[in-house]
C-alpha cells in the first residue's frame, strides 16, 4: 500500500465506524416500539393493531431509509480508498445525521399527525439525502447517472416535507417514493469495473 500523506485518511477506518453507527442506529429504531408490558391482559388482533400499526410503519420507513443510505455509503467508500480531511469531516456529519434518526423516528412514530413533528422528520430525511448527494458529488465531481440517482431521494423528501406541513398523514406515502432512486441506480447506471 502506498504511503499516506499527513492530510489523508484511509477510508477503511471510516467504513468500520460507519458500519457500527448504522448498525446501532438501525437497532435503536426498534427501541420506541411498544413493549409487551403495555398490555394488561393477553392482546387480541385489534389490540395489536391499535398499539403497533402506526409505530411499525414509521419503524419500517426509517429502517429502510437507513438501509438504503448504508448501501449508498458503502458503495461510495468502496470507490474512495483514501480521503482528505474535508471528506472525512463531511462523512462524519453524514454519520451524525444517521445517529439522530432514532430520535426523529421516535418523535415521528409517537406524534405522526403533528405537522411540526412530521416536518422535523422530513427535514431530517432531507438533510440525510442532501449530505449523501454532496458526498457522491465530492467523489464523482461531475454530473452522472449516479449523482442523479443520489439526488432522487432529495427531490422526493423536499416536496414530502412540504406536504407534511399541511397533510402529515399523506407525507409518508410521498417519502416512500424516494426508493425510486434504487430503481434509477439499478436500471440506468452502467455497472462499474
Protein backbone atom coordinates (compact mmCIF):
# COMPACT_ATOMS: atom_id res chain seq x y z
CA UNK A 1 0.00 0.00 0.00
CA UNK A 2 1.25 3.46 -0.78
CA UNK A 3 2.27 5.80 1.98
CA UNK A 4 -0.46 8.22 3.06
CA UNK A 5 0.21 11.92 3.12
CA UNK A 6 -0.34 13.61 6.51
CA UNK A 7 -3.63 15.13 5.30
CA UNK A 8 -5.05 11.81 4.04
CA UNK A 9 -7.14 9.19 5.80
CA UNK A 10 -7.80 5.55 5.00
CA UNK A 11 -11.49 5.28 4.28
CA UNK A 12 -11.50 1.66 5.55
CA UNK A 13 -11.42 3.01 9.07
CA UNK A 14 -14.33 5.34 8.30
CA UNK A 15 -16.18 2.38 6.81
CA UNK A 16 -15.73 0.42 10.05
CA UNK A 17 -17.04 3.36 12.05
CA UNK A 18 -19.97 3.85 9.69
CA UNK A 19 -20.96 0.17 9.84
CA UNK A 20 -21.07 0.42 13.61
CA UNK A 21 -23.05 3.66 13.56
CA UNK A 22 -25.57 2.37 11.04
CA UNK A 23 -25.95 -0.89 12.98
CA UNK A 24 -26.56 0.83 16.30
CA UNK A 25 -28.88 3.46 14.80
CA UNK A 26 -30.91 0.84 12.95
CA UNK A 27 -31.21 -1.24 16.12
CA UNK A 28 -32.23 1.76 18.22
CA UNK A 29 -35.10 2.44 15.81
CA UNK A 30 -36.87 -0.52 17.42
CA UNK A 31 -36.43 0.99 20.88
CA UNK A 32 -39.59 3.09 20.55
CA UNK A 33 -41.76 0.15 19.59
CA UNK A 34 -44.24 -0.69 22.36
CA UNK A 35 -43.16 -3.43 24.74
CA UNK A 36 -45.34 -6.31 25.89
CA UNK A 37 -45.94 -4.53 29.22
CA UNK A 38 -48.37 -2.09 27.56
CA UNK A 39 -50.97 -4.85 27.66
CA UNK A 40 -52.60 -5.71 30.98
CA UNK A 41 -54.16 -8.86 29.51
CA UNK A 42 -53.39 -11.05 26.52
CA UNK A 43 -53.95 -8.84 23.46
CA UNK A 44 -56.25 -9.71 20.62
CA UNK A 45 -55.78 -8.65 16.98
CA UNK A 46 -57.48 -5.29 17.44
CA UNK A 47 -55.28 -4.51 20.46
CA UNK A 48 -52.16 -5.37 18.47
CA UNK A 49 -53.30 -3.26 15.52
CA UNK A 50 -54.15 -0.30 17.75
CA UNK A 51 -50.80 -0.36 19.58
CA UNK A 52 -48.43 -1.27 16.74
CA UNK A 53 -49.89 -0.14 13.41
CA UNK A 54 -48.54 3.41 13.18
CA UNK A 55 -45.35 2.62 15.03
CA UNK A 56 -44.41 -0.31 12.79
CA UNK A 57 -44.95 1.81 9.66
CA UNK A 58 -42.66 4.55 11.00
CA UNK A 59 -40.08 1.98 12.08
CA UNK A 60 -40.17 0.29 8.66
CA UNK A 61 -39.81 3.61 6.84
CA UNK A 62 -36.82 4.68 8.92
CA UNK A 63 -35.18 1.25 8.81
CA UNK A 64 -35.48 1.06 5.03
CA UNK A 65 -34.20 4.63 4.66
CA UNK A 66 -31.19 3.85 6.87
CA UNK A 67 -30.56 0.66 4.90
CA UNK A 68 -30.67 2.44 1.56
CA UNK A 69 -28.26 5.11 2.76
CA UNK A 70 -25.97 2.45 4.25
CA UNK A 71 -25.80 0.77 0.83
CA UNK A 72 -25.04 4.10 -0.83
CA UNK A 73 -22.41 4.96 1.79
CA UNK A 74 -20.76 1.56 1.39
CA UNK A 75 -20.65 1.88 -2.41
CA UNK A 76 -19.24 5.38 -2.14
CA UNK A 77 -16.47 4.40 0.29
CA UNK A 78 -15.53 1.46 -1.93
CA UNK A 79 -14.76 3.96 -4.69
CA UNK A 80 -12.63 6.13 -2.46
CA UNK A 81 -9.89 4.22 -0.60
CA UNK A 82 -8.28 7.46 0.63
CA UNK A 83 -9.83 10.79 1.51
CA UNK A 84 -8.81 14.20 2.70
CA UNK A 85 -9.75 15.89 5.95
CA UNK A 86 -12.72 17.71 4.40
CA UNK A 87 -14.17 14.50 3.01
CA UNK A 88 -13.81 12.73 6.36
CA UNK A 89 -15.49 15.63 8.19
CA UNK A 90 -18.36 15.64 5.67
CA UNK A 91 -18.73 11.88 6.18
CA UNK A 92 -18.84 12.43 9.94
CA UNK A 93 -21.68 14.94 9.52
CA UNK A 94 -23.47 12.37 7.36
CA UNK A 95 -22.99 9.77 10.12
CA UNK A 96 -24.26 12.29 12.70
CA UNK A 97 -27.44 12.60 10.67
CA UNK A 98 -27.81 8.80 10.83
CA UNK A 99 -27.19 8.75 14.60
CA UNK A 100 -30.08 11.21 15.02
CA UNK A 101 -32.50 9.06 13.01
CA UNK A 102 -33.77 7.11 16.07
CA UNK A 103 -34.55 10.43 17.78
CA UNK A 104 -36.66 11.89 14.98
CA UNK A 105 -38.14 8.46 14.25
CA UNK A 106 -39.24 8.21 17.90
CA UNK A 107 -40.92 11.57 17.70
CA UNK A 108 -42.50 10.72 14.37
CA UNK A 109 -43.85 7.31 15.41
CA UNK A 110 -45.39 8.82 18.55
CA UNK A 111 -46.75 12.04 17.02
CA UNK A 112 -47.10 11.38 13.29
CA UNK A 113 -50.22 13.52 13.00
CA UNK A 114 -48.40 16.59 14.30
CA UNK A 115 -47.39 18.71 11.34
CA UNK A 116 -44.45 20.14 13.33
CA UNK A 117 -43.09 16.66 14.07
CA UNK A 118 -43.72 15.44 10.51
CA UNK A 119 -41.91 18.50 9.12
CA UNK A 120 -38.99 17.97 11.51
CA UNK A 121 -38.76 14.32 10.41
CA UNK A 122 -38.97 15.37 6.76
CA UNK A 123 -36.25 17.98 7.23
CA UNK A 124 -34.07 15.33 8.82
CA UNK A 125 -34.63 12.95 5.87
CA UNK A 126 -33.85 15.82 3.52
CA UNK A 127 -30.61 16.56 5.38
CA UNK A 128 -29.54 12.91 5.15
CA UNK A 129 -30.30 12.84 1.43
CA UNK A 130 -28.57 16.18 0.86
CA UNK A 131 -25.40 15.05 2.65
CA UNK A 132 -25.47 11.79 0.70
CA UNK A 133 -25.69 13.68 -2.59
CA UNK A 134 -22.90 16.06 -1.55
CA UNK A 135 -20.66 13.10 -0.69
CA UNK A 136 -21.32 11.50 -4.08
CA UNK A 137 -20.50 14.82 -5.73
CA UNK A 138 -17.17 15.03 -3.88
CA UNK A 139 -16.20 11.63 -5.27
CA UNK A 140 -17.51 11.90 -8.84
CA UNK A 141 -17.13 15.65 -9.29
CA UNK A 142 -19.44 15.91 -12.29
CA UNK A 143 -22.96 15.11 -13.38
CA UNK A 144 -23.54 11.43 -13.85
CA UNK A 145 -26.32 8.93 -13.52
CA UNK A 146 -25.11 8.06 -10.03
CA UNK A 147 -25.38 11.70 -8.99
CA UNK A 148 -28.89 11.79 -10.44
CA UNK A 149 -29.79 8.60 -8.54
CA UNK A 150 -28.46 10.12 -5.30
CA UNK A 151 -30.46 13.30 -5.93
CA UNK A 152 -33.74 11.43 -6.41
CA UNK A 153 -34.45 10.97 -2.66
CA UNK A 154 -33.61 14.63 -2.12
CA UNK A 155 -36.08 15.60 -4.84
CA UNK A 156 -38.74 13.49 -3.10
CA UNK A 157 -38.06 14.41 0.54
CA UNK A 158 -38.31 18.17 -0.11
CA UNK A 159 -41.88 18.09 -1.51
CA UNK A 160 -42.76 15.37 1.03
CA UNK A 161 -41.75 17.72 3.81
CA UNK A 162 -43.89 20.48 2.32
CA UNK A 163 -46.80 18.02 2.20
CA UNK A 164 -46.10 17.15 5.87
CA UNK A 165 -46.73 20.78 6.84
CA UNK A 166 -50.30 20.61 5.52
CA UNK A 167 -51.19 16.90 5.50
CA UNK A 168 -48.89 14.93 7.80
CA UNK A 169 -50.88 11.74 7.22
CA UNK A 170 -50.02 11.83 3.49
CA UNK A 171 -46.30 12.60 3.83
CA UNK A 172 -45.10 9.00 4.42
CA UNK A 173 -46.64 7.94 1.12
CA UNK A 174 -44.65 10.66 -0.63
CA UNK A 175 -41.46 9.75 1.25
CA UNK A 176 -41.72 6.10 0.21
CA UNK A 177 -41.35 7.27 -3.42
CA UNK A 178 -37.73 8.12 -2.57
CA UNK A 179 -36.88 4.46 -3.06
CA UNK A 180 -37.27 5.11 -6.78
CA UNK A 181 -33.62 6.14 -6.58
CA UNK A 182 -32.83 2.45 -6.20
CA UNK A 183 -34.63 1.75 -9.45
CA UNK A 184 -32.72 4.53 -11.19
CA UNK A 185 -29.50 3.08 -9.86
CA UNK A 186 -30.46 -0.49 -10.77
CA UNK A 187 -31.68 0.08 -14.30
CA UNK A 188 -29.98 3.22 -15.57
CA UNK A 189 -26.49 3.25 -14.12
CA UNK A 190 -23.89 1.32 -16.04
CA UNK A 191 -22.17 -1.37 -13.96
CA UNK A 192 -18.80 -0.45 -12.53
CA UNK A 193 -15.47 -2.01 -13.43
